[in-house]
Protein backbone atom coordinates (compact mmCIF):
# COMPACT_ATOMS: atom_id res chain seq x y z
CA UNK A 1 0.00 0.00 0.00
CA UNK A 2 2.78 2.39 0.96
CA UNK A 3 4.59 1.57 -2.29
CA UNK A 4 1.48 2.35 -4.35
CA UNK A 5 1.06 5.71 -2.61
CA UNK A 6 4.72 6.54 -3.26
CA UNK A 7 4.37 5.65 -6.94
CA UNK A 8 1.22 7.80 -7.19
CA UNK A 9 3.01 10.72 -5.53
CA UNK A 10 5.98 10.36 -7.89
CA UNK A 11 3.70 10.27 -10.93
CA UNK A 12 1.72 13.33 -9.82
CA UNK A 13 4.89 15.29 -9.00
CA UNK A 14 6.29 14.44 -12.44
CA UNK A 15 3.11 15.66 -14.15
CA UNK A 16 2.80 18.78 -11.99
CA UNK A 17 5.74 20.65 -13.50
CA UNK A 18 6.36 24.40 -13.63
CA UNK A 19 4.12 24.83 -16.71
CA UNK A 20 1.18 23.19 -14.95
CA UNK A 21 1.67 25.21 -11.76
CA UNK A 22 1.92 28.50 -13.65
CA UNK A 23 -1.26 27.71 -15.60
CA UNK A 24 -3.19 26.74 -12.47
CA UNK A 25 -2.03 29.84 -10.63
CA UNK A 26 -2.89 32.09 -13.60
CA UNK A 27 -6.38 30.55 -13.83
CA UNK A 28 -7.37 30.17 -10.17
CA UNK A 29 -4.78 31.92 -8.01
CA UNK A 30 -4.49 30.33 -4.54
CA UNK A 31 -8.06 28.99 -4.65
CA UNK A 32 -7.12 25.34 -5.25
CA UNK A 33 -4.57 25.30 -2.42
CA UNK A 34 -6.66 26.90 0.32
CA UNK A 35 -9.80 24.95 -0.63
CA UNK A 36 -8.00 21.58 -0.41
CA UNK A 37 -8.95 20.78 -4.02
CA UNK A 38 -5.27 20.45 -5.02
CA UNK A 39 -3.10 20.40 -1.89
CA UNK A 40 0.66 20.85 -2.27
CA UNK A 41 2.35 17.43 -2.54
CA UNK A 42 5.97 18.60 -2.68
CA UNK A 43 8.41 16.75 -0.38
CA UNK A 44 8.00 18.18 3.11
CA UNK A 45 4.44 19.42 2.47
CA UNK A 46 2.72 16.02 2.38
CA UNK A 47 2.13 15.88 6.19
CA UNK A 48 0.57 19.36 6.03
CA UNK A 49 -1.67 18.26 3.12
CA UNK A 50 -2.76 15.20 5.12
CA UNK A 51 -3.59 17.32 8.18
CA UNK A 52 -5.49 19.79 5.96
CA UNK A 53 -7.51 16.93 4.44
CA UNK A 54 -8.26 15.34 7.83
CA UNK A 55 -9.39 18.71 9.17
CA UNK A 56 -11.60 19.38 6.13
CA UNK A 57 -13.27 15.96 5.86
CA UNK A 58 -13.75 15.60 9.62
CA UNK A 59 -15.53 18.95 9.98
CA UNK A 60 -17.59 18.50 6.80
CA UNK A 61 -18.78 15.00 7.71
CA UNK A 62 -19.67 16.13 11.24
CA UNK A 63 -21.58 18.99 9.59
CA UNK A 64 -23.41 16.54 7.31
CA UNK A 65 -24.34 14.29 10.25
CA UNK A 66 -25.61 17.21 12.36
CA UNK A 67 -27.63 18.59 9.45
CA UNK A 68 -29.19 15.18 8.80
CA UNK A 69 -30.32 14.98 12.42
CA UNK A 70 -31.50 18.61 12.23
CA UNK A 71 -33.66 17.93 9.16
CA UNK A 72 -35.27 14.98 10.96
CA UNK A 73 -35.97 16.96 14.12
CA UNK A 74 -37.49 19.88 12.16
CA UNK A 75 -39.54 17.70 9.81
CA UNK A 76 -42.78 19.42 10.88
CA UNK A 77 -41.52 22.87 9.81
CA UNK A 78 -41.55 22.69 5.99
CA UNK A 79 -39.97 26.11 5.39
CA UNK A 80 -37.09 25.57 7.75
CA UNK A 81 -36.42 21.96 6.78
CA UNK A 82 -36.44 22.96 3.07
CA UNK A 83 -33.70 25.51 3.67
CA UNK A 84 -31.80 23.03 5.86
CA UNK A 85 -32.01 20.38 3.13
CA UNK A 86 -30.36 22.79 0.69
CA UNK A 87 -27.45 23.31 3.08
CA UNK A 88 -27.21 19.55 3.60
CA UNK A 89 -27.00 18.91 -0.14
CA UNK A 90 -24.34 21.61 -0.53
CA UNK A 91 -22.25 19.97 2.20
CA UNK A 92 -22.71 16.50 0.74
CA UNK A 93 -21.81 17.49 -2.81
CA UNK A 94 -18.97 19.76 -1.61
CA UNK A 95 -17.37 16.75 0.06
CA UNK A 96 -17.92 14.60 -3.05
CA UNK A 97 -16.46 17.32 -5.32
CA UNK A 98 -13.30 17.59 -3.21
CA UNK A 99 -12.75 13.82 -3.25
CA UNK A 100 -13.51 13.61 -6.97
CA UNK A 101 -11.06 16.39 -7.91
CA UNK A 102 -8.29 14.84 -5.81
CA UNK A 103 -8.89 11.39 -7.32
CA UNK A 104 -8.56 12.94 -10.80
CA UNK A 105 -5.48 14.99 -10.02
CA UNK A 106 -3.47 13.38 -12.84
CA UNK A 107 -6.13 14.27 -15.40
CA UNK A 108 -6.21 17.85 -14.09
CA UNK A 109 -2.43 18.07 -14.52
CA UNK A 110 -2.74 16.79 -18.09
CA UNK A 111 -5.49 19.33 -18.84
CA UNK A 112 -3.43 22.27 -17.60
CA UNK A 113 -0.27 21.01 -19.28
CA UNK A 114 -2.20 20.99 -22.56
CA UNK A 115 -3.38 24.54 -21.86
CA UNK A 116 0.21 25.60 -21.09
CA UNK A 117 1.39 24.18 -24.43
CA UNK A 118 -1.50 25.88 -26.31
CA UNK A 119 -2.88 22.50 -27.48
CA UNK A 120 -1.09 22.55 -30.84
CA UNK A 121 1.76 24.54 -32.35
CA UNK A 122 1.22 25.62 -35.97
CA UNK A 123 4.71 27.12 -36.13
CA UNK A 124 5.10 29.77 -38.80
CA UNK A 125 1.63 28.90 -40.14
CA UNK A 126 -0.16 29.91 -36.94
CA UNK A 127 -2.57 32.79 -36.62
CA UNK A 128 -1.30 36.32 -36.34
CA UNK A 129 -0.50 37.21 -32.66
CA UNK A 130 -2.93 40.14 -32.82
CA UNK A 131 -5.67 37.77 -33.88
CA UNK A 132 -4.84 35.36 -31.06
CA UNK A 133 -4.92 38.29 -28.62
CA UNK A 134 -8.40 39.25 -29.87
CA UNK A 135 -9.63 35.70 -29.32
CA UNK A 136 -8.17 35.65 -25.81
CA UNK A 137 -10.01 38.86 -25.01
CA UNK A 138 -13.23 36.86 -25.41
CA UNK A 139 -12.08 34.60 -22.54
CA UNK A 140 -11.25 37.60 -20.37
CA UNK A 141 -14.61 39.26 -21.03
CA UNK A 142 -16.45 36.05 -20.19
CA UNK A 143 -14.58 35.64 -16.91
CA UNK A 144 -15.28 39.25 -15.96
CA UNK A 145 -18.97 38.50 -16.43
CA UNK A 146 -18.64 35.75 -13.81
CA UNK A 147 -17.69 38.27 -11.11
CA UNK A 148 -21.35 38.95 -10.21
CA UNK A 149 -21.82 35.21 -9.62
CA UNK A 150 -18.88 35.13 -7.18
CA UNK A 151 -20.28 38.24 -5.48
CA UNK A 152 -23.64 36.48 -5.20
CA UNK A 153 -21.99 33.53 -3.42
CA UNK A 154 -20.44 35.99 -0.97
CA UNK A 155 -23.78 37.75 -0.53
CA UNK A 156 -25.51 34.44 0.21
CA UNK A 157 -22.87 33.63 2.84
CA UNK A 158 -23.28 37.10 4.36
CA UNK A 159 -27.05 36.71 4.55
CA UNK A 160 -26.75 33.25 6.11
CA UNK A 161 -24.44 34.52 8.85
CA UNK A 162 -25.64 38.11 9.36
CA UNK A 163 -28.40 39.41 7.09
CA UNK A 164 -31.13 36.80 7.51
CA UNK A 165 -30.95 36.51 11.34
CA UNK A 166 -30.70 40.31 11.66
CA UNK A 167 -33.84 40.90 9.56
CA UNK A 168 -35.81 38.24 11.44
CA UNK A 169 -34.75 39.73 14.79
CA UNK A 170 -35.59 43.25 13.62
CA UNK A 171 -39.17 42.35 12.61
CA UNK A 172 -39.67 40.02 15.56
CA UNK A 173 -39.94 36.84 13.47
CA UNK A 174 -36.98 35.06 15.07
CA UNK A 175 -37.80 32.19 17.46
CA UNK A 176 -38.23 33.34 21.08
CA UNK A 177 -36.89 30.06 22.45
CA UNK A 178 -33.31 28.77 22.22
CA UNK A 179 -34.28 25.23 21.26
CA UNK A 180 -37.02 23.65 19.14
CA UNK A 181 -37.13 19.85 19.33
CA UNK A 182 -33.50 19.85 20.45
CA UNK A 183 -32.34 22.12 17.59
CA UNK A 184 -30.40 25.20 18.67
CA UNK A 185 -32.05 28.20 16.98
CA UNK A 186 -29.62 31.00 17.84
CA UNK A 187 -26.82 30.10 15.42
CA UNK A 188 -26.90 31.63 11.89
CA UNK A 189 -28.15 28.25 10.65
CA UNK A 190 -30.38 26.42 13.16
CA UNK A 191 -28.65 23.14 13.97
CA UNK A 192 -28.71 20.22 16.37
CA UNK A 193 -25.58 19.98 18.52
CA UNK A 194 -24.70 16.91 20.63
CA UNK A 195 -23.57 19.15 23.49
CA UNK A 196 -25.32 21.72 25.64
CA UNK A 197 -25.24 25.21 24.15
CA UNK A 198 -26.09 27.04 27.34
CA UNK A 199 -23.31 29.60 27.62
CA UNK A 200 -21.75 32.36 25.54
CA UNK A 201 -18.50 30.40 24.80
CA UNK A 202 -20.56 27.41 23.63
CA UNK A 203 -22.66 29.70 21.41
CA UNK A 204 -19.54 31.21 19.82
CA UNK A 205 -18.04 27.74 19.35
CA UNK A 206 -21.19 26.55 17.55
CA UNK A 207 -21.31 29.69 15.40
CA UNK A 208 -17.59 29.51 14.60
CA UNK A 209 -17.98 25.86 13.55
CA UNK A 210 -20.69 26.80 11.07
CA UNK A 211 -18.75 29.76 9.64
CA UNK A 212 -15.58 27.66 9.14
CA UNK A 213 -17.39 24.77 7.45
CA UNK A 214 -19.55 27.00 5.23
CA UNK A 215 -16.45 28.96 4.15
CA UNK A 216 -14.56 25.75 3.26
CA UNK A 217 -17.51 24.38 1.30
CA UNK A 218 -18.00 27.68 -0.54
CA UNK A 219 -14.34 27.65 -1.63
CA UNK A 220 -14.64 24.04 -2.84
CA UNK A 221 -17.82 24.72 -4.82
CA UNK A 222 -16.47 27.95 -6.35
CA UNK A 223 -13.23 26.14 -7.26
CA UNK A 224 -15.13 23.30 -8.93
CA UNK A 225 -17.31 25.73 -10.89
CA UNK A 226 -14.27 27.67 -12.07
CA UNK A 227 -12.46 24.46 -13.05
CA UNK A 228 -15.35 23.57 -15.35
CA UNK A 229 -15.54 27.14 -16.70
CA UNK A 230 -11.80 27.40 -17.44
CA UNK A 231 -11.64 23.95 -19.03
CA UNK A 232 -14.74 24.50 -21.18
CA UNK A 233 -13.55 27.97 -22.18
CA UNK A 234 -10.27 26.55 -23.44
CA UNK A 235 -12.11 24.02 -25.63
CA UNK A 236 -14.15 26.87 -27.10
CA UNK A 237 -11.01 29.00 -27.54
CA UNK A 238 -9.21 26.25 -29.45
CA UNK A 239 -12.25 25.64 -31.64
CA UNK A 240 -12.20 29.33 -32.59
CA UNK A 241 -8.50 29.08 -33.48
CA UNK A 242 -9.14 25.92 -35.53
CA UNK A 243 -12.02 27.63 -37.32
CA UNK A 244 -9.87 30.65 -38.21
CA UNK A 245 -7.03 28.41 -39.34
CA UNK A 246 -9.33 26.43 -41.65
CA UNK A 247 -10.70 29.63 -43.17
CA UNK A 248 -7.10 30.72 -43.86
CA UNK A 249 -6.01 27.38 -45.32
CA UNK A 250 -5.28 28.80 -48.77
CA UNK A 251 -3.29 31.72 -47.30
CA UNK A 252 -1.34 29.33 -45.07
CA UNK A 253 -0.60 27.04 -48.00
CA UNK A 254 0.73 29.93 -50.06
CA UNK A 255 2.86 31.10 -47.15
CA UNK A 256 4.34 27.61 -46.75
CA UNK A 257 4.95 27.45 -50.50
CA UNK A 258 6.91 30.72 -50.41
CA UNK A 259 8.88 29.58 -47.36
CA UNK A 260 9.90 26.24 -48.88
CA UNK A 261 10.30 27.45 -52.49
CA UNK A 262 11.62 31.03 -52.33
CA UNK A 263 12.90 31.00 -55.93
CA UNK A 264 9.86 29.38 -57.49
CA UNK A 265 6.90 31.49 -58.67
CA UNK A 266 3.43 30.22 -57.89
CA UNK A 267 1.05 30.02 -60.88
CA UNK A 268 -2.25 31.24 -59.39
CA UNK A 269 -4.16 30.11 -62.47
CA UNK A 270 -3.00 26.49 -62.21
CA UNK A 271 -2.95 25.72 -58.47
CA UNK A 272 -4.73 22.37 -58.79
CA UNK A 273 -1.99 20.94 -61.05
CA UNK A 274 0.92 22.32 -59.02
CA UNK A 275 2.12 19.23 -57.08
CA UNK A 276 4.33 21.24 -54.73
CA UNK A 277 1.46 23.55 -53.83
CA UNK A 278 -0.83 20.55 -53.31
CA UNK A 279 1.73 19.11 -50.88
CA UNK A 280 1.61 22.41 -49.00
CA UNK A 281 -2.19 22.17 -48.81
CA UNK A 282 -1.91 18.57 -47.56
CA UNK A 283 0.50 19.65 -44.84
CA UNK A 284 -1.87 22.43 -43.72
CA UNK A 285 -4.87 20.08 -43.67
CA UNK A 286 -2.90 17.59 -41.56
CA UNK A 287 -2.03 20.37 -39.15
CA UNK A 288 -5.73 21.11 -38.70
CA UNK A 289 -6.52 17.42 -38.26
CA UNK A 290 -3.82 17.11 -35.57
CA UNK A 291 -5.13 20.22 -33.82
CA UNK A 292 -8.65 18.79 -33.86
CA UNK A 293 -7.36 15.50 -32.44
CA UNK A 294 -5.62 17.36 -29.61
CA UNK A 295 -8.92 19.11 -28.80
CA UNK A 296 -10.73 15.75 -28.71
CA UNK A 297 -8.08 14.23 -26.41
CA UNK A 298 -8.44 17.23 -24.11
CA UNK A 299 -12.22 16.84 -24.22
CA UNK A 300 -11.96 13.21 -23.01
CA UNK A 301 -9.88 14.29 -19.99
CA UNK A 302 -12.27 17.21 -19.39
CA UNK A 303 -15.24 14.81 -19.33
CA UNK A 304 -13.52 12.51 -16.82
CA UNK A 305 -12.94 15.44 -14.46
CA UNK A 306 -16.13 17.51 -14.79
CA UNK A 307 -18.96 15.11 -15.69
CA UNK A 308 -19.76 14.13 -12.08
CA UNK A 309 -19.81 17.73 -10.71
CA UNK A 310 -22.01 18.83 -13.64
CA UNK A 311 -24.49 16.00 -13.04
CA UNK A 312 -24.57 16.78 -9.30
CA UNK A 313 -25.12 20.49 -10.00
CA UNK A 314 -28.03 19.72 -12.34
CA UNK A 315 -29.63 17.23 -9.95
CA UNK A 316 -29.26 19.47 -6.90
CA UNK A 317 -30.27 22.58 -8.84
CA UNK A 318 -33.52 21.03 -10.03
CA UNK A 319 -34.46 19.84 -6.54
CA UNK A 320 -33.46 23.07 -4.83
CA UNK A 321 -35.32 25.22 -7.37
CA UNK A 322 -38.49 23.24 -6.70
CA UNK A 323 -38.07 23.40 -2.92
CA UNK A 324 -37.26 27.11 -3.01
CA UNK A 325 -40.35 27.92 -5.05
CA UNK A 326 -42.52 25.99 -2.59
CA UNK A 327 -40.93 27.87 0.32
CA UNK A 328 -41.58 31.19 -1.45
CA UNK A 329 -45.31 30.55 -1.71
CA UNK A 330 -45.55 29.39 1.91
CA UNK A 331 -46.98 32.01 4.25
CA UNK A 332 -44.04 32.59 6.58
CA UNK A 333 -43.20 35.59 8.74
CA UNK A 334 -39.46 34.83 8.62
CA UNK A 335 -38.57 37.33 5.90
CA UNK A 336 -34.82 36.98 6.49
CA UNK A 337 -35.01 33.22 5.97
CA UNK A 338 -37.09 33.70 2.81
CA UNK A 339 -34.58 36.22 1.38
CA UNK A 340 -31.69 33.85 2.11
CA UNK A 341 -33.59 31.01 0.43
CA UNK A 342 -34.33 33.18 -2.61
CA UNK A 343 -30.68 34.18 -2.98
CA UNK A 344 -29.65 30.53 -2.71
CA UNK A 345 -32.18 29.63 -5.41
CA UNK A 346 -30.78 32.34 -7.71
CA UNK A 347 -27.26 31.02 -7.00
CA UNK A 348 -28.25 27.48 -8.02
CA UNK A 349 -29.99 28.83 -11.13
CA UNK A 350 -26.87 30.84 -11.98
CA UNK A 351 -24.65 27.79 -11.54
CA UNK A 352 -26.76 25.73 -13.95
CA UNK A 353 -26.94 28.64 -16.42
CA UNK A 354 -23.14 29.03 -16.45
CA UNK A 355 -22.62 25.32 -17.24
CA UNK A 356 -25.29 25.37 -19.96
CA UNK A 357 -24.07 28.65 -21.49
CA UNK A 358 -20.49 27.47 -21.95
CA UNK A 359 -21.66 24.02 -23.04
CA UNK A 360 -23.88 25.62 -25.69
CA UNK A 361 -20.92 27.68 -26.88
CA UNK A 362 -18.75 24.58 -27.35
CA UNK A 363 -21.58 22.73 -29.10
CA UNK A 364 -22.16 25.65 -31.51
CA UNK A 365 -18.47 26.15 -32.28
CA UNK A 366 -17.77 22.44 -32.82
CA UNK A 367 -20.78 22.18 -35.12
CA UNK A 368 -19.48 25.22 -36.99
CA UNK A 369 -16.17 23.45 -37.68
CA UNK A 370 -17.95 21.00 -39.97
CA UNK A 371 -19.55 23.89 -41.88
CA UNK A 372 -16.17 25.64 -42.16
CA UNK A 373 -14.54 22.48 -43.56
CA UNK A 374 -17.37 22.26 -46.09
CA UNK A 375 -16.67 25.86 -47.16
CA UNK A 376 -12.90 25.56 -47.69
CA UNK A 377 -11.76 26.36 -51.26
CA UNK A 378 -11.71 22.68 -52.34
CA UNK A 379 -11.82 23.71 -56.01
CA UNK A 380 -8.11 24.56 -55.71
CA UNK A 381 -7.28 21.04 -54.46
CA UNK A 382 -6.44 17.85 -56.28
CA UNK A 383 -8.34 14.61 -55.79
CA UNK A 384 -6.17 13.36 -52.91
CA UNK A 385 -6.62 16.55 -50.89
CA UNK A 386 -10.36 16.56 -51.58
CA UNK A 387 -10.60 13.06 -50.11
CA UNK A 388 -8.58 14.25 -47.13
CA UNK A 389 -11.03 17.10 -46.60
CA UNK A 390 -14.00 14.71 -46.80
CA UNK A 391 -12.39 12.37 -44.25
CA UNK A 392 -11.75 15.32 -41.92
CA UNK A 393 -15.36 16.40 -42.29
CA UNK A 394 -16.54 12.90 -41.36
CA UNK A 395 -14.48 13.12 -38.16
CA UNK A 396 -16.44 16.22 -37.15
CA UNK A 397 -19.82 14.60 -37.82
CA UNK A 398 -20.60 14.44 -34.09
CA UNK A 399 -20.14 17.80 -32.36
CA UNK A 400 -18.44 18.08 -28.97
CA UNK A 401 -21.00 17.95 -26.17
CA UNK A 402 -20.25 18.90 -22.57
CA UNK A 403 -22.15 16.34 -20.51
CA UNK A 404 -22.91 15.49 -16.92
CA UNK A 405 -22.16 11.77 -16.48
CA UNK A 406 -23.42 11.10 -20.04
CA UNK A 407 -26.97 11.99 -18.89
CA UNK A 408 -27.32 15.77 -19.09
CA UNK A 409 -26.01 17.75 -22.06
CA UNK A 410 -25.01 21.32 -21.23
CA UNK A 411 -27.13 23.36 -23.62
CA UNK A 412 -29.66 26.15 -23.24
CA UNK A 413 -32.39 23.61 -24.12
CA UNK A 414 -31.30 21.59 -21.09
CA UNK A 415 -31.44 24.74 -18.97
CA UNK A 416 -35.03 25.31 -20.09
CA UNK A 417 -35.89 21.66 -19.39
CA UNK A 418 -34.45 21.88 -15.87
CA UNK A 419 -36.49 24.99 -15.10
CA UNK A 420 -39.62 23.26 -16.43
CA UNK A 421 -38.82 20.11 -14.39
CA UNK A 422 -38.32 22.24 -11.29
CA UNK A 423 -41.75 23.79 -11.87
CA UNK A 424 -43.27 20.31 -12.16
CA UNK A 425 -41.61 19.25 -8.90
CA UNK A 426 -42.86 22.50 -7.37
CA UNK A 427 -46.45 21.56 -8.20
CA UNK A 428 -45.95 18.06 -6.80
CA UNK A 429 -44.35 19.35 -3.57
CA UNK A 430 -47.06 21.98 -3.18
CA UNK A 431 -49.71 19.26 -3.27
CA UNK A 432 -47.71 17.13 -0.82
CA UNK A 433 -47.23 20.10 1.51
CA UNK A 434 -50.94 20.88 1.45
CA UNK A 435 -51.84 17.27 2.18
CA UNK A 436 -49.42 17.20 5.13
CA UNK A 437 -50.96 20.36 6.60
CA UNK A 438 -54.48 18.93 6.31
CA UNK A 439 -53.34 15.71 7.98
CA UNK A 440 -51.84 17.71 10.87
CA UNK A 441 -55.09 19.69 11.31
CA UNK A 442 -57.16 16.50 11.37
CA UNK A 443 -54.84 14.87 13.91
CA UNK A 444 -55.12 17.94 16.18
CA UNK A 445 -58.88 17.91 15.93
C-alpha cells in the first residue's frame, strides 16, 4: 500500500511541472490550495496536506451528520427543513467534489499542461499574434462576467451569517426560544448539537464551527465551478483558433509554398496541377486534423474530471429550485429566511446557467467546424486533398457535447428543461405540503 502511494506521488509530481503550476495559478490563483482541491504534494508538504484533508473531511462530515439529524428533528416545519435540506445537499456534494477532484489529479495536470502548451503549435503557419490576442479577449470578457456570480456567493454567505438573522430579529420573526425539538435556533443556521449550548462560549463555538465549514464548502464549490468554466472555455477558444485556421487554409498554403520554395513562382491560375502547392495544402490540412485530435483528447480528460460535478449540479439545482419555489409561496413571517432562500435559489440557477451557457458555446463552435470544412476552397485542391477534406469532415460529424455523467447535455435547451422540471416538482411538492398540513389539522382535531 505504501509503495502504491509513493508511486502515485511520484507520478503526480512528475506531471505537476512548472508549466502546470503557472497555468493553475494564472487561472485560479491560490483557490485550489486553500480549498484543499489540489493540496501541495511537494516533499516536506505532504504531512501538512494530510492534516489539511483530515481537518476538512472531519468537519464536513460532522456537519453533514448534524444537518441530517436537524432535518429529521425539524420535519414538521416545511420552510425551515427545506432551507436546511439545501445546506445539507451543498455539504454532501462539496465533500464529493473535493474527493472527486483529488482522485482525478493526474487528469487535471494533463489538462493544464495541454493549456500551457496551447494545445497545438502551428509554427510559422499559426494565426497572427494580434488575432490570437483578440480571441483571448473573449475569454477575459467572459470571466469578468462571472464576477457577479462570485459576489452572489459571498452575498448568500453574508445573509446566512448576518443578514437573515438580523432581519428576522428586527421584525420580531426570530424564534423566542433557544431550542425547538432539540435544535439550537440562535446560530446563523439552526442546527442540532450533541452538546449543551447554554453559555456564551458554547454559542460562539457553535457559530464559529458553522462559519468555518460554510467557508470551506464555498471555496470548494467555487473552485469546482471555475475548473469547469476554465476547461470548457479553453475548448471553445481552441475551436475558434481551428475555425480561423481552416478559413485561412489557402493563405497558409501559399505562405508555406513561399517559405519552402523562395525561388519558385506560384502560378495562381494552375494551383490544382501544381504538385508542390498541393503538398503544401496537404500539410496544412494535416495540421488542422492534428489540432482537432488534440482538442478531442483534451475533451476526453475534461469529461472525466467535470462530468460528475455537472451532473450533481443539475440534480441538486432542479431539486433546490423546486423546494425554493414551494418555500416562497408558503406564508411565513421569517422574511430573512425567505430572502436567504431566494438568494440561494438564484445562486443554483446561476450555476446551472453558467454550465449550460459554456456548453452551448462549445456545441455551436464544434458544429461550426464542420460547416467551415465544407466551405474551404476545395476547387483549388487535387483529388487526394479533396478526399482528405472529406475524411476530416466525417471526423467532425458528431459535435463536442459537454455532458454530466453522459446523462445531461449542457445546452440552453437543457437549462429550459431543468427549469420546467423544477416547476413540475414544485407543483408536486405543493400538493404534498398541502396534504401534510391537512393531515396535521385533522390529527389535532
